[in-house]
Amino acid sequence: MVEEENKKEVTVKIKPEIDDEIRRLMQERKKKPWFLRQQWWQFKKLDKNWRRPRGRHSKLRRHYGYRPPLPRIGYSSPKKVRGLHPSGFEEVLIHNVKGLEGINPKKQAVRIAHGVGRKKREEIIAKADEMGIRVLNRVL
């Protein structure tokens, strides 16, 4: 009896309906290298976060082959999958329950805005579950 109470209700995540080409392009999008700040390993105060190299004698700025890659236009995602959530859904930001109207549950998922409170958030999640819409930031 205690085991039954401890079991949480498991909800299956709703998957998007995407074709094989979109799935392939989403895999291709992952092949981008990590772009790291130059000399991040030399100084403790530097983060790994990317910053454009601006120095006059910078080997990284001058694209020397033995240096790590710089972000360039060629690394951008394919147009068909640009801006999609990693799950394959198109994200829609909503602020209230009325925002759920007109959403296609097969291709779109919902992200609840940051400023929405607990009470309204619970209403939105309940309505989305009823409509079969995936909520990307479900955590309360």
Protein backbone atom coordinates (compact mmCIF):
# COMPACT_ATOMS: atom_id res chain seq x y z
CA MET A 1 0.00 0.00 0.00
CA VAL A 2 2.90 2.35 0.79
CA GLU A 3 4.45 1.52 -2.59
CA GLU A 4 1.26 2.55 -4.39
CA GLU A 5 1.29 5.95 -2.67
CA ASN A 6 4.95 6.53 -3.53
CA LYS A 7 4.45 5.84 -7.22
CA LYS A 8 4.16 9.07 -9.13
CA GLU A 9 1.86 9.43 -12.07
CA VAL A 10 4.07 9.09 -15.13
CA THR A 11 3.07 11.21 -18.09
CA VAL A 12 4.35 10.28 -21.52
CA LYS A 13 5.94 13.23 -23.33
CA ILE A 14 4.10 14.22 -26.46
CA LYS A 15 6.30 13.85 -29.54
CA PRO A 16 6.08 16.09 -32.62
CA GLU A 17 5.06 14.75 -36.00
CA ILE A 18 8.14 15.46 -38.11
CA ASP A 19 9.27 13.85 -41.33
CA ASP A 20 12.59 12.07 -41.93
CA GLU A 21 14.18 15.09 -43.64
CA ILE A 22 13.56 17.36 -40.63
CA ARG A 23 14.90 14.64 -38.30
CA ARG A 24 18.05 14.36 -40.46
CA LEU A 25 18.54 18.13 -40.52
CA MET A 26 18.18 18.31 -36.74
CA GLN A 27 20.98 15.74 -36.40
CA GLU A 28 23.09 17.73 -38.86
CA ARG A 29 22.56 20.86 -36.76
CA LYS A 30 24.36 19.19 -33.83
CA LYS A 31 27.68 18.89 -35.70
CA LYS A 32 28.74 22.42 -34.82
CA PRO A 33 32.04 22.74 -32.88
CA TRP A 34 32.28 24.40 -29.48
CA PHE A 35 33.49 27.96 -29.85
CA LEU A 36 35.72 28.87 -26.92
CA ARG A 37 37.32 32.15 -25.93
CA GLN A 38 40.98 32.50 -26.82
CA GLN A 39 43.39 31.86 -23.95
CA TRP A 40 40.59 30.74 -21.60
CA TRP A 41 42.95 28.05 -20.27
CA GLN A 42 45.69 30.55 -19.31
CA PHE A 43 43.78 32.81 -16.95
CA LYS A 44 41.44 31.77 -14.15
CA LYS A 45 39.37 34.94 -14.53
CA LEU A 46 38.39 34.13 -18.15
CA ASP A 47 35.31 32.04 -18.77
CA LYS A 48 34.99 29.64 -21.68
CA ASN A 49 32.18 31.81 -23.09
CA TRP A 50 32.89 33.00 -26.61
CA ARG A 51 34.31 36.48 -27.08
CA ARG A 52 35.48 37.79 -30.43
CA PRO A 53 39.29 37.97 -30.68
CA ARG A 54 40.27 41.60 -31.30
CA GLY A 55 44.01 41.74 -30.67
CA ARG A 56 46.36 43.19 -33.27
CA HIS A 57 48.58 40.10 -33.35
CA SER A 58 45.90 37.53 -32.48
CA LYS A 59 46.50 34.22 -34.26
CA LEU A 60 42.90 33.21 -33.65
CA ARG A 61 41.57 36.39 -35.28
CA ARG A 62 43.84 35.78 -38.28
CA HIS A 63 42.50 32.21 -38.69
CA TYR A 64 45.74 30.30 -38.24
CA GLY A 65 45.06 26.63 -38.89
CA TYR A 66 46.31 25.29 -35.58
CA ARG A 67 43.87 27.49 -33.64
CA PRO A 68 40.28 26.49 -32.78
CA PRO A 69 37.48 27.50 -35.16
CA LEU A 70 35.69 30.86 -35.10
CA PRO A 71 31.94 31.25 -35.56
CA ARG A 72 31.15 31.87 -39.21
CA ILE A 73 28.03 31.97 -41.34
CA GLY A 74 28.74 28.45 -42.64
CA TYR A 75 28.05 26.99 -39.20
CA SER A 76 24.42 28.15 -39.10
CA SER A 77 21.61 25.62 -38.88
CA PRO A 78 19.65 24.57 -41.97
CA LYS A 79 16.75 26.98 -42.59
CA LYS A 80 14.04 24.35 -42.12
CA VAL A 81 15.13 23.57 -38.54
CA ARG A 82 16.42 26.98 -37.46
CA GLY A 83 14.72 28.08 -34.25
CA LEU A 84 13.13 24.72 -33.48
CA HIS A 85 13.30 23.30 -29.95
CA PRO A 86 15.65 20.27 -29.67
CA SER A 87 12.55 18.08 -29.29
CA GLY A 88 11.44 19.13 -32.80
CA PHE A 89 8.56 21.38 -31.74
CA GLU A 90 8.15 25.03 -32.69
CA GLU A 91 8.04 27.03 -29.45
CA VAL A 92 5.13 29.35 -28.66
CA LEU A 93 5.39 31.71 -25.67
CA ILE A 94 2.14 32.17 -23.78
CA HIS A 95 1.09 34.33 -20.84
CA ASN A 96 -2.43 33.05 -20.11
CA VAL A 97 -4.92 30.27 -20.85
CA LYS A 98 -6.32 32.17 -23.84
CA GLY A 99 -2.88 31.85 -25.49
CA LEU A 100 -3.46 28.10 -25.93
CA GLU A 101 -6.11 28.75 -28.59
CA GLY A 102 -5.00 28.15 -32.15
CA ILE A 103 -1.97 26.01 -31.26
CA ASN A 104 -1.29 22.95 -33.41
CA PRO A 105 -0.34 20.18 -30.91
CA LYS A 106 1.34 18.14 -33.67
CA LYS A 107 3.92 20.80 -34.53
CA GLN A 108 3.90 23.39 -31.74
CA ALA A 109 4.73 23.26 -28.04
CA VAL A 110 4.10 25.85 -25.34
CA ARG A 111 6.59 27.70 -23.15
CA ILE A 112 4.96 29.53 -20.23
CA ALA A 113 6.31 33.06 -19.74
CA HIS A 114 8.59 33.77 -16.79
CA GLY A 115 6.27 36.27 -15.13
CA VAL A 116 3.29 33.90 -14.87
CA GLY A 117 2.49 32.98 -11.27
CA ARG A 118 1.88 29.55 -9.76
CA LYS A 119 -1.94 29.67 -9.82
CA LYS A 120 -2.25 30.70 -13.47
CA ARG A 121 0.60 28.34 -14.42
CA GLU A 122 -1.32 25.39 -12.95
CA GLU A 123 -4.42 26.42 -14.94
CA ILE A 124 -2.39 26.63 -18.15
CA ILE A 125 -0.79 23.21 -17.57
CA ALA A 126 -4.18 21.60 -16.82
CA LYS A 127 -5.74 23.08 -19.95
CA ALA A 128 -2.71 22.10 -22.09
CA ASP A 129 -2.92 18.50 -20.84
CA GLU A 130 -6.61 18.46 -21.67
CA MET A 131 -5.90 19.74 -25.20
CA GLY A 132 -2.91 17.40 -25.69
CA ILE A 133 -0.35 20.23 -25.98
CA ARG A 134 3.21 19.77 -24.68
CA VAL A 135 4.45 22.28 -22.10
CA LEU A 136 8.23 22.70 -22.36
CA ASN A 137 8.77 24.30 -18.92
CA ARG A 138 6.31 22.27 -16.90
CA VAL A 139 8.21 22.38 -13.56
CA LEU A 140 6.34 24.12 -10.76
